[in-house]
Amino acid sequence: MKRAHTITFSTFIKPEEDEPAITKRFLSLIPLDLEQEKIPLQRTISTGFNERKILILKLKLTKERHTNAFLDFLNEKLSGAQQQQLREQEDRVDDHCHFYLRFQKQHLPKLVFTDKGDCIHCKISLAAFPKKRDIALRIVKEIFK
């Protein structure tokens, strides 16, 4: 059963941060061999405040077996309390049926949610048909039962 159309991950790495360590933590969220599955890890340099160079890591899962693998992996890693939290936090789903998660970078591979900035963003485009928020919320509840 298709639960998500796409899942996009992104994070910012500041110049003073340990890029290899954060990249390793970032990739710990993906239960797939990126090279074998031909999933590109995008690296972009952007300019932040005070002309600081910021590295942006981005990865997008588009195949159903990839999205399902991540959702199953996520469900296995989360505690019952975390699953319940996701089922109850309806503000994580927007009107376009996108479900948003943020994981604290420094705690990975342990999954700790945050609402603050220094994190790994995860945007899940839920496979709701018709594309309505209440149907998307139902899918979230089915994923994290």
N, C-alpha and C. Protein backbone atom coordinates (compact mmCIF):
# COMPACT_ATOMS: atom_id res chain seq x y z
N MET A 1 0.85 -1.18 0.00
CA MET A 1 0.00 0.00 0.00
C MET A 1 0.89 1.24 0.00
N LYS A 2 0.57 2.15 -0.87
CA LYS A 2 1.34 3.39 -0.96
C LYS A 2 0.90 4.34 0.16
N ARG A 3 1.86 4.71 1.00
CA ARG A 3 1.56 5.61 2.11
C ARG A 3 2.12 7.01 1.90
N ALA A 4 3.16 7.09 1.04
CA ALA A 4 3.79 8.40 0.78
C ALA A 4 4.24 8.46 -0.67
N HIS A 5 4.08 9.63 -1.26
CA HIS A 5 4.57 9.85 -2.63
C HIS A 5 6.07 10.09 -2.61
N THR A 6 6.50 11.01 -1.74
CA THR A 6 7.92 11.33 -1.61
C THR A 6 8.25 11.62 -0.15
N ILE A 7 9.53 11.43 0.16
CA ILE A 7 10.04 11.81 1.48
C ILE A 7 11.34 12.56 1.23
N THR A 8 11.40 13.80 1.74
CA THR A 8 12.57 14.65 1.53
C THR A 8 13.23 14.94 2.87
N PHE A 9 14.54 14.76 2.91
CA PHE A 9 15.34 15.05 4.10
C PHE A 9 16.27 16.20 3.77
N SER A 10 16.50 17.09 4.73
CA SER A 10 17.46 18.16 4.52
C SER A 10 18.03 18.63 5.86
N THR A 11 19.23 19.16 5.78
CA THR A 11 19.86 19.74 6.97
C THR A 11 20.89 20.76 6.53
N PHE A 12 21.23 21.66 7.44
CA PHE A 12 22.26 22.66 7.22
C PHE A 12 23.47 22.30 8.06
N ILE A 13 24.66 22.46 7.48
CA ILE A 13 25.90 22.23 8.23
C ILE A 13 26.69 23.52 8.20
N LYS A 14 26.88 24.08 9.39
CA LYS A 14 27.62 25.34 9.51
C LYS A 14 29.12 25.07 9.44
N PRO A 15 29.91 26.09 9.11
CA PRO A 15 31.36 25.89 8.96
C PRO A 15 32.03 25.31 10.20
N GLU A 16 31.56 25.67 11.38
CA GLU A 16 32.20 25.21 12.61
C GLU A 16 31.78 23.80 13.02
N GLU A 17 30.81 23.21 12.31
CA GLU A 17 30.33 21.88 12.65
C GLU A 17 31.18 20.81 11.94
N ASP A 18 31.14 19.62 12.49
CA ASP A 18 31.89 18.48 11.95
C ASP A 18 31.08 17.86 10.80
N GLU A 19 31.44 18.25 9.58
CA GLU A 19 30.67 17.82 8.41
C GLU A 19 30.59 16.30 8.26
N PRO A 20 31.70 15.55 8.35
CA PRO A 20 31.59 14.09 8.20
C PRO A 20 30.69 13.44 9.26
N ALA A 21 30.77 13.92 10.49
CA ALA A 21 29.95 13.35 11.57
C ALA A 21 28.47 13.63 11.33
N ILE A 22 28.14 14.84 10.92
CA ILE A 22 26.74 15.18 10.67
C ILE A 22 26.22 14.45 9.44
N THR A 23 27.05 14.32 8.42
CA THR A 23 26.63 13.56 7.23
C THR A 23 26.34 12.12 7.61
N LYS A 24 27.18 11.54 8.45
CA LYS A 24 26.97 10.16 8.91
C LYS A 24 25.66 10.04 9.68
N ARG A 25 25.38 11.00 10.57
CA ARG A 25 24.13 10.99 11.33
C ARG A 25 22.93 11.17 10.39
N PHE A 26 23.07 12.07 9.44
CA PHE A 26 22.02 12.32 8.45
C PHE A 26 21.68 11.02 7.72
N LEU A 27 22.71 10.33 7.26
CA LEU A 27 22.50 9.09 6.50
C LEU A 27 22.01 7.94 7.38
N SER A 28 22.18 8.05 8.70
CA SER A 28 21.67 7.01 9.60
C SER A 28 20.14 6.95 9.59
N LEU A 29 19.50 7.99 9.09
CA LEU A 29 18.04 8.00 8.98
C LEU A 29 17.53 7.20 7.79
N ILE A 30 18.41 6.89 6.85
CA ILE A 30 18.00 6.25 5.61
C ILE A 30 18.39 4.77 5.68
N PRO A 31 17.42 3.87 5.74
CA PRO A 31 17.73 2.44 5.88
C PRO A 31 18.02 1.76 4.54
N LEU A 32 18.67 2.48 3.65
CA LEU A 32 18.93 1.98 2.30
C LEU A 32 20.39 2.23 1.93
N ASP A 33 20.91 1.44 1.01
CA ASP A 33 22.23 1.67 0.44
C ASP A 33 22.05 2.66 -0.71
N LEU A 34 22.43 3.90 -0.49
CA LEU A 34 22.18 4.95 -1.48
C LEU A 34 22.84 4.66 -2.81
N GLU A 35 24.05 4.14 -2.77
CA GLU A 35 24.77 3.86 -4.03
C GLU A 35 24.06 2.74 -4.81
N GLN A 36 23.72 1.69 -4.11
CA GLN A 36 23.06 0.56 -4.77
C GLN A 36 21.68 0.95 -5.29
N GLU A 37 20.97 1.74 -4.54
CA GLU A 37 19.61 2.15 -4.93
C GLU A 37 19.61 3.37 -5.86
N LYS A 38 20.79 3.90 -6.13
CA LYS A 38 20.95 5.07 -7.01
C LYS A 38 20.13 6.27 -6.52
N ILE A 39 20.29 6.55 -5.24
CA ILE A 39 19.63 7.70 -4.62
C ILE A 39 20.71 8.77 -4.40
N PRO A 40 20.60 9.90 -5.08
CA PRO A 40 21.66 10.92 -4.94
C PRO A 40 21.54 11.73 -3.64
N LEU A 41 22.68 11.98 -3.03
CA LEU A 41 22.76 12.89 -1.90
C LEU A 41 23.22 14.23 -2.46
N GLN A 42 22.34 15.22 -2.40
CA GLN A 42 22.66 16.53 -2.96
C GLN A 42 23.40 17.36 -1.92
N ARG A 43 24.48 18.00 -2.36
CA ARG A 43 25.26 18.89 -1.51
C ARG A 43 25.28 20.26 -2.20
N THR A 44 24.79 21.26 -1.50
CA THR A 44 24.73 22.61 -2.04
C THR A 44 25.36 23.56 -1.04
N ILE A 45 26.14 24.51 -1.55
CA ILE A 45 26.72 25.55 -0.69
C ILE A 45 25.86 26.81 -0.83
N SER A 46 25.49 27.37 0.30
CA SER A 46 24.70 28.60 0.30
C SER A 46 25.39 29.60 1.22
N THR A 47 25.00 30.84 1.09
CA THR A 47 25.57 31.89 1.92
C THR A 47 24.57 32.26 3.01
N GLY A 48 25.04 32.19 4.26
CA GLY A 48 24.19 32.52 5.39
C GLY A 48 24.47 33.93 5.89
N PHE A 49 24.10 34.18 7.15
CA PHE A 49 24.35 35.47 7.76
C PHE A 49 25.84 35.76 7.80
N ASN A 50 26.20 37.01 7.65
CA ASN A 50 27.59 37.46 7.67
C ASN A 50 28.45 36.75 6.63
N GLU A 51 27.84 36.42 5.50
CA GLU A 51 28.55 35.78 4.37
C GLU A 51 29.17 34.43 4.73
N ARG A 52 28.62 33.76 5.74
CA ARG A 52 29.12 32.43 6.11
C ARG A 52 28.63 31.40 5.10
N LYS A 53 29.50 30.50 4.72
CA LYS A 53 29.14 29.43 3.79
C LYS A 53 28.47 28.29 4.57
N ILE A 54 27.27 27.93 4.14
CA ILE A 54 26.50 26.88 4.78
C ILE A 54 26.35 25.74 3.77
N LEU A 55 26.64 24.52 4.21
CA LEU A 55 26.44 23.35 3.37
C LEU A 55 25.02 22.83 3.61
N ILE A 56 24.30 22.58 2.54
CA ILE A 56 22.95 22.02 2.65
C ILE A 56 22.98 20.60 2.08
N LEU A 57 22.60 19.64 2.92
CA LEU A 57 22.46 18.27 2.47
C LEU A 57 20.98 18.01 2.21
N LYS A 58 20.69 17.35 1.09
CA LYS A 58 19.30 17.06 0.76
C LYS A 58 19.24 15.70 0.08
N LEU A 59 18.22 14.95 0.43
CA LEU A 59 18.02 13.63 -0.14
C LEU A 59 16.52 13.41 -0.32
N LYS A 60 16.13 12.82 -1.43
CA LYS A 60 14.70 12.64 -1.71
C LYS A 60 14.44 11.19 -2.10
N LEU A 61 13.49 10.58 -1.40
CA LEU A 61 13.04 9.23 -1.72
C LEU A 61 11.76 9.34 -2.54
N THR A 62 11.74 8.71 -3.71
CA THR A 62 10.56 8.83 -4.58
C THR A 62 9.91 7.49 -4.91
N LYS A 63 10.67 6.41 -4.81
CA LYS A 63 10.11 5.10 -5.12
C LYS A 63 9.32 4.57 -3.92
N GLU A 64 8.23 3.88 -4.23
CA GLU A 64 7.36 3.38 -3.16
C GLU A 64 8.11 2.45 -2.21
N ARG A 65 8.97 1.58 -2.73
CA ARG A 65 9.69 0.67 -1.84
C ARG A 65 10.68 1.42 -0.94
N HIS A 66 11.19 2.56 -1.42
CA HIS A 66 12.09 3.37 -0.60
C HIS A 66 11.31 4.10 0.49
N THR A 67 10.19 4.70 0.12
CA THR A 67 9.39 5.43 1.12
C THR A 67 8.85 4.47 2.17
N ASN A 68 8.38 3.30 1.72
CA ASN A 68 7.86 2.32 2.68
C ASN A 68 8.97 1.79 3.59
N ALA A 69 10.17 1.60 3.04
CA ALA A 69 11.30 1.15 3.86
C ALA A 69 11.60 2.16 4.96
N PHE A 70 11.59 3.46 4.60
CA PHE A 70 11.85 4.47 5.62
C PHE A 70 10.74 4.50 6.66
N LEU A 71 9.48 4.47 6.24
CA LEU A 71 8.37 4.53 7.20
C LEU A 71 8.38 3.33 8.13
N ASP A 72 8.70 2.15 7.62
CA ASP A 72 8.80 0.96 8.47
C ASP A 72 9.97 1.11 9.45
N PHE A 73 11.11 1.60 8.95
CA PHE A 73 12.29 1.83 9.77
C PHE A 73 11.97 2.84 10.89
N LEU A 74 11.31 3.92 10.52
CA LEU A 74 10.94 4.96 11.49
C LEU A 74 10.03 4.39 12.57
N ASN A 75 9.04 3.63 12.14
CA ASN A 75 8.09 3.05 13.09
C ASN A 75 8.78 2.10 14.07
N GLU A 76 9.76 1.34 13.59
CA GLU A 76 10.50 0.42 14.46
C GLU A 76 11.36 1.16 15.47
N LYS A 77 11.92 2.30 15.06
CA LYS A 77 12.84 3.06 15.92
C LYS A 77 12.13 3.86 17.01
N LEU A 78 10.88 4.22 16.76
CA LEU A 78 10.16 5.09 17.70
C LEU A 78 9.58 4.30 18.87
N SER A 79 9.57 4.94 20.01
CA SER A 79 8.93 4.33 21.18
C SER A 79 7.42 4.47 21.03
N GLY A 80 6.68 3.76 21.84
CA GLY A 80 5.21 3.86 21.82
C GLY A 80 4.74 5.28 22.12
N ALA A 81 5.44 5.95 23.04
CA ALA A 81 5.07 7.33 23.39
C ALA A 81 5.32 8.27 22.20
N GLN A 82 6.42 8.06 21.48
CA GLN A 82 6.71 8.90 20.32
C GLN A 82 5.68 8.66 19.21
N GLN A 83 5.30 7.41 19.01
CA GLN A 83 4.28 7.10 18.00
C GLN A 83 2.96 7.78 18.36
N GLN A 84 2.60 7.71 19.63
CA GLN A 84 1.37 8.35 20.08
C GLN A 84 1.45 9.86 19.88
N GLN A 85 2.60 10.45 20.17
CA GLN A 85 2.80 11.89 19.98
C GLN A 85 2.55 12.27 18.52
N LEU A 86 3.07 11.47 17.59
CA LEU A 86 2.89 11.77 16.16
C LEU A 86 1.43 11.60 15.73
N ARG A 87 0.75 10.64 16.30
CA ARG A 87 -0.68 10.46 15.97
C ARG A 87 -1.51 11.63 16.46
N GLU A 88 -1.11 12.23 17.58
CA GLU A 88 -1.90 13.29 18.20
C GLU A 88 -1.56 14.70 17.75
N GLN A 89 -0.35 14.92 17.23
CA GLN A 89 0.07 16.26 16.83
C GLN A 89 -0.41 16.56 15.40
N GLU A 90 -1.64 16.96 15.28
CA GLU A 90 -2.22 17.20 13.96
C GLU A 90 -1.60 18.38 13.25
N ASP A 91 -0.93 19.28 13.97
CA ASP A 91 -0.31 20.44 13.34
C ASP A 91 0.93 20.06 12.53
N ARG A 92 1.35 18.81 12.58
CA ARG A 92 2.47 18.35 11.75
C ARG A 92 2.04 18.07 10.31
N VAL A 93 0.73 18.08 10.05
CA VAL A 93 0.19 17.86 8.70
C VAL A 93 -0.41 19.17 8.20
N ASP A 94 0.02 19.59 7.00
CA ASP A 94 -0.52 20.84 6.45
C ASP A 94 -1.67 20.56 5.48
N ASP A 95 -2.22 21.61 4.90
CA ASP A 95 -3.37 21.47 4.00
C ASP A 95 -3.02 20.82 2.67
N HIS A 96 -1.72 20.68 2.38
CA HIS A 96 -1.28 20.05 1.13
C HIS A 96 -0.91 18.58 1.36
N CYS A 97 -1.28 18.06 2.54
CA CYS A 97 -1.03 16.66 2.91
C CYS A 97 0.45 16.34 3.07
N HIS A 98 1.21 17.33 3.53
CA HIS A 98 2.61 17.10 3.88
C HIS A 98 2.71 16.92 5.38
N PHE A 99 3.48 15.93 5.77
CA PHE A 99 3.69 15.60 7.18
C PHE A 99 5.14 15.96 7.51
N TYR A 100 5.36 16.77 8.53
CA TYR A 100 6.69 17.30 8.85
C TYR A 100 7.24 16.73 10.15
N LEU A 101 8.51 16.35 10.10
CA LEU A 101 9.23 15.90 11.29
C LEU A 101 10.56 16.63 11.35
N ARG A 102 11.05 16.85 12.55
CA ARG A 102 12.39 17.40 12.75
C ARG A 102 13.08 16.57 13.81
N PHE A 103 14.29 16.12 13.48
CA PHE A 103 15.07 15.31 14.40
C PHE A 103 16.31 16.08 14.84
N GLN A 104 16.62 16.01 16.13
CA GLN A 104 17.81 16.69 16.64
C GLN A 104 19.06 16.01 16.06
N LYS A 105 19.92 16.81 15.43
CA LYS A 105 21.13 16.28 14.79
C LYS A 105 22.05 15.59 15.79
N GLN A 106 22.25 16.21 16.94
CA GLN A 106 23.26 15.72 17.87
C GLN A 106 22.88 14.40 18.53
N HIS A 107 21.59 14.01 18.49
CA HIS A 107 21.17 12.77 19.15
C HIS A 107 21.10 11.57 18.20
N LEU A 108 21.17 11.81 16.90
CA LEU A 108 21.08 10.70 15.95
C LEU A 108 22.24 9.74 16.15
N PRO A 109 22.06 8.44 16.02
CA PRO A 109 20.94 7.74 15.41
C PRO A 109 19.72 7.57 16.32
N LYS A 110 19.79 7.99 17.59
CA LYS A 110 18.59 7.98 18.43
C LYS A 110 17.65 9.07 17.91
N LEU A 111 16.38 8.75 17.77
CA LEU A 111 15.42 9.71 17.21
C LEU A 111 14.79 10.55 18.31
N VAL A 112 15.14 11.83 18.30
CA VAL A 112 14.59 12.79 19.25
C VAL A 112 13.97 13.91 18.44
N PHE A 113 12.68 14.15 18.63
CA PHE A 113 11.98 15.21 17.91
C PHE A 113 12.33 16.57 18.48
N THR A 114 12.24 17.57 17.62
CA THR A 114 12.45 18.95 18.06
C THR A 114 11.57 19.87 17.22
N ASP A 115 11.35 21.05 17.72
CA ASP A 115 10.65 22.09 16.96
C ASP A 115 11.58 23.26 16.71
N LYS A 116 12.85 23.07 17.00
CA LYS A 116 13.83 24.14 16.84
C LYS A 116 14.65 23.93 15.58
N GLY A 117 15.49 24.90 15.28
CA GLY A 117 16.17 24.97 14.01
C GLY A 117 17.30 24.01 13.71
N ASP A 118 18.21 23.73 14.63
CA ASP A 118 19.40 22.94 14.33
C ASP A 118 19.02 21.46 14.31
N CYS A 119 18.54 21.00 13.15
CA CYS A 119 17.95 19.67 13.09
C CYS A 119 18.04 19.10 11.67
N ILE A 120 17.51 17.92 11.53
CA ILE A 120 17.32 17.32 10.21
C ILE A 120 15.82 17.37 9.94
N HIS A 121 15.48 18.01 8.83
CA HIS A 121 14.07 18.15 8.44
C HIS A 121 13.65 16.94 7.63
N CYS A 122 12.44 16.51 7.84
CA CYS A 122 11.87 15.40 7.07
C CYS A 122 10.47 15.83 6.64
N LYS A 123 10.25 15.87 5.33
CA LYS A 123 8.94 16.26 4.78
C LYS A 123 8.40 15.05 4.03
N ILE A 124 7.26 14.56 4.49
CA ILE A 124 6.64 13.38 3.89
C ILE A 124 5.37 13.82 3.17
N SER A 125 5.35 13.59 1.86
CA SER A 125 4.17 13.89 1.06
C SER A 125 3.27 12.66 1.12
N LEU A 126 2.22 12.75 1.93
CA LEU A 126 1.35 11.60 2.17
C LEU A 126 0.49 11.28 0.95
N ALA A 127 0.27 10.00 0.71
CA ALA A 127 -0.51 9.53 -0.43
C ALA A 127 -1.99 9.51 -0.07
N ALA A 128 -2.55 10.69 0.12
CA ALA A 128 -3.96 10.83 0.47
C ALA A 128 -4.78 11.01 -0.80
N PHE A 129 -5.82 10.19 -0.94
CA PHE A 129 -6.72 10.35 -2.08
C PHE A 129 -8.14 10.25 -1.60
N PRO A 130 -8.97 11.24 -1.86
CA PRO A 130 -8.60 12.52 -2.44
C PRO A 130 -7.68 13.30 -1.49
N LYS A 131 -7.00 14.28 -2.05
CA LYS A 131 -5.98 15.03 -1.32
C LYS A 131 -6.64 15.98 -0.33
N LYS A 132 -6.96 15.44 0.84
CA LYS A 132 -7.61 16.22 1.89
C LYS A 132 -6.87 15.98 3.20
N ARG A 133 -6.81 17.00 4.00
CA ARG A 133 -6.06 16.94 5.25
C ARG A 133 -6.58 15.84 6.18
N ASP A 134 -7.90 15.67 6.29
CA ASP A 134 -8.43 14.66 7.20
C ASP A 134 -8.04 13.25 6.76
N ILE A 135 -7.93 13.02 5.46
CA ILE A 135 -7.49 11.72 4.96
C ILE A 135 -6.00 11.54 5.26
N ALA A 136 -5.22 12.62 5.10
CA ALA A 136 -3.79 12.57 5.42
C ALA A 136 -3.58 12.25 6.91
N LEU A 137 -4.39 12.84 7.77
CA LEU A 137 -4.29 12.57 9.21
C LEU A 137 -4.60 11.10 9.50
N ARG A 138 -5.54 10.54 8.78
CA ARG A 138 -5.88 9.13 8.94
C ARG A 138 -4.68 8.24 8.54
N ILE A 139 -3.99 8.63 7.48
CA ILE A 139 -2.81 7.88 7.04
C ILE A 139 -1.72 7.92 8.11
N VAL A 140 -1.52 9.09 8.71
CA VAL A 140 -0.52 9.21 9.79
C VAL A 140 -0.87 8.26 10.93
N LYS A 141 -2.14 8.21 11.28
CA LYS A 141 -2.57 7.32 12.38
C LYS A 141 -2.38 5.85 12.02
N GLU A 142 -2.54 5.52 10.73
CA GLU A 142 -2.31 4.14 10.29
C GLU A 142 -0.81 3.80 10.30
N ILE A 143 0.02 4.75 9.92
CA ILE A 143 1.47 4.51 9.88
C ILE A 143 1.99 4.26 11.30
N PHE A 144 1.56 5.07 12.25
CA PHE A 144 2.09 5.00 13.62
C PHE A 144 1.10 4.38 14.58
N LYS A 145 0.58 3.20 14.25
CA LYS A 145 -0.38 2.55 15.15
C LYS A 145 0.28 1.89 16.33
